[in-house]
Amino acid sequence: MLQRVLGLVESAQPERNVKSVAEAKFLRPLRPAETCAVAIRRVDDRTLSFDCRVQQDLVARGILVLDGDN
């Protein structure tokens, strides 16, 4: 699931790289038949937050730090 989130961020912003995962919390496993919706929000110029949901059920959340290049 985290690899999918990282891939989404890097494909949306190919000029920026994810420098680190500051926080990642997995609240429950994603089952094979489930579809997960990912929401990514900009916190500031170098920080993004994300959450992953199955319907309304939060299954993961976290914070990503981007490199300093714009």
C-alpha atoms as a PDB file:
ATOM      1  CA  MET A   1       0.000   0.000   0.000  1.00  0.00           C
ATOM      2  CA  LEU A   2       2.817   2.423   0.856  1.00  0.00           C
ATOM      3  CA  GLN A   3       4.551   1.709  -2.468  1.00  0.00           C
ATOM      4  CA  ARG A   4       1.329   2.642  -4.271  1.00  0.00           C
ATOM      5  CA  VAL A   5       1.114   5.955  -2.382  1.00  0.00           C
ATOM      6  CA  LEU A   6       4.770   6.747  -3.174  1.00  0.00           C
ATOM      7  CA  GLY A   7       4.199   5.923  -6.829  1.00  0.00           C
ATOM      8  CA  LEU A   8       1.170   8.218  -6.999  1.00  0.00           C
ATOM      9  CA  VAL A   9       3.101  11.111  -5.468  1.00  0.00           C
ATOM     10  CA  GLU A  10       6.099  10.672  -7.744  1.00  0.00           C
ATOM     11  CA  SER A  11       3.977  10.336 -10.898  1.00  0.00           C
ATOM     12  CA  ALA A  12       1.999  13.477  -9.982  1.00  0.00           C
ATOM     13  CA  GLN A  13       5.191  15.445  -9.256  1.00  0.00           C
ATOM     14  CA  PRO A  14       8.001  13.905 -11.327  1.00  0.00           C
ATOM     15  CA  GLU A  15      10.295  16.851 -10.591  1.00  0.00           C
ATOM     16  CA  ARG A  16      10.173  16.105  -6.832  1.00  0.00           C
ATOM     17  CA  ASN A  17      11.229  12.985  -4.949  1.00  0.00           C
ATOM     18  CA  VAL A  18       9.961  11.605  -1.679  1.00  0.00           C
ATOM     19  CA  LYS A  19      12.893  12.087   0.691  1.00  0.00           C
ATOM     20  CA  SER A  20      11.426  10.181   3.633  1.00  0.00           C
ATOM     21  CA  VAL A  21       8.333   8.723   5.204  1.00  0.00           C
ATOM     22  CA  ALA A  22       7.975  10.763   8.393  1.00  0.00           C
ATOM     23  CA  GLU A  23       5.023   8.714   9.611  1.00  0.00           C
ATOM     24  CA  ALA A  24       3.024   5.735   8.384  1.00  0.00           C
ATOM     25  CA  LYS A  25       0.274   4.080  10.373  1.00  0.00           C
ATOM     26  CA  PHE A  26      -1.495   0.994   9.052  1.00  0.00           C
ATOM     27  CA  LEU A  27      -4.755   0.597  10.939  1.00  0.00           C
ATOM     28  CA  ARG A  28      -5.776  -2.727   9.415  1.00  0.00           C
ATOM     29  CA  PRO A  29      -4.741  -4.996   6.543  1.00  0.00           C
ATOM     30  CA  LEU A  30      -6.026  -4.324   3.046  1.00  0.00           C
ATOM     31  CA  ARG A  31      -7.749  -7.521   1.928  1.00  0.00           C
ATOM     32  CA  PRO A  32      -7.102  -8.864  -1.617  1.00  0.00           C
ATOM     33  CA  ALA A  33     -10.620  -8.104  -2.916  1.00  0.00           C
ATOM     34  CA  GLU A  34     -10.752  -4.570  -1.477  1.00  0.00           C
ATOM     35  CA  THR A  35     -10.229  -1.352  -3.414  1.00  0.00           C
ATOM     36  CA  CYS A  36      -8.425   1.416  -1.587  1.00  0.00           C
ATOM     37  CA  ALA A  37      -8.935   5.118  -2.344  1.00  0.00           C
ATOM     38  CA  VAL A  38      -5.889   7.310  -1.697  1.00  0.00           C
ATOM     39  CA  ALA A  39      -6.159  11.001  -0.776  1.00  0.00           C
ATOM     40  CA  ILE A  40      -3.016  13.136  -0.746  1.00  0.00           C
ATOM     41  CA  ARG A  41      -2.931  16.666   0.685  1.00  0.00           C
ATOM     42  CA  ARG A  42      -0.178  19.266   0.713  1.00  0.00           C
ATOM     43  CA  VAL A  43       0.717  20.366   4.250  1.00  0.00           C
ATOM     44  CA  ASP A  44       3.456  22.777   3.132  1.00  0.00           C
ATOM     45  CA  ASP A  45       6.043  23.036   0.344  1.00  0.00           C
ATOM     46  CA  ARG A  46       7.969  19.953   1.493  1.00  0.00           C
ATOM     47  CA  THR A  47       5.337  17.891   3.325  1.00  0.00           C
ATOM     48  CA  LEU A  48       2.366  15.828   2.163  1.00  0.00           C
ATOM     49  CA  SER A  49      -0.155  13.865   4.190  1.00  0.00           C
ATOM     50  CA  PHE A  50      -2.044  10.860   2.883  1.00  0.00           C
ATOM     51  CA  ASP A  51      -4.826   8.570   3.883  1.00  0.00           C
ATOM     52  CA  CYS A  52      -6.109   5.344   2.388  1.00  0.00           C
ATOM     53  CA  ARG A  53      -9.734   4.306   2.751  1.00  0.00           C
ATOM     54  CA  VAL A  54     -11.886   1.329   1.889  1.00  0.00           C
ATOM     55  CA  GLN A  55     -15.264   2.998   1.482  1.00  0.00           C
ATOM     56  CA  GLN A  56     -15.384   5.171   4.638  1.00  0.00           C
ATOM     57  CA  ASP A  57     -13.029   2.928   6.643  1.00  0.00           C
ATOM     58  CA  LEU A  58      -9.567   4.460   7.219  1.00  0.00           C
ATOM     59  CA  VAL A  59      -6.960   1.737   6.699  1.00  0.00           C
ATOM     60  CA  ALA A  60      -3.727   3.783   6.573  1.00  0.00           C
ATOM     61  CA  ARG A  61      -2.436   7.323   7.026  1.00  0.00           C
ATOM     62  CA  GLY A  62       0.879   9.064   7.033  1.00  0.00           C
ATOM     63  CA  ILE A  63       3.187  11.970   6.287  1.00  0.00           C
ATOM     64  CA  LEU A  64       5.752  12.193   3.478  1.00  0.00           C
ATOM     65  CA  VAL A  65       8.674  14.617   3.209  1.00  0.00           C
ATOM     66  CA  LEU A  66       9.729  15.763  -0.245  1.00  0.00           C
ATOM     67  CA  ASP A  67      13.229  16.730  -1.312  1.00  0.00           C
ATOM     68  CA  GLY A  68      14.116  20.423  -1.266  1.00  0.00           C
ATOM     69  CA  ASP A  69      14.321  20.958  -5.037  1.00  0.00           C
ATOM     70  CA  ASN A  70      11.436  22.763  -6.708  1.00  0.00           C
END
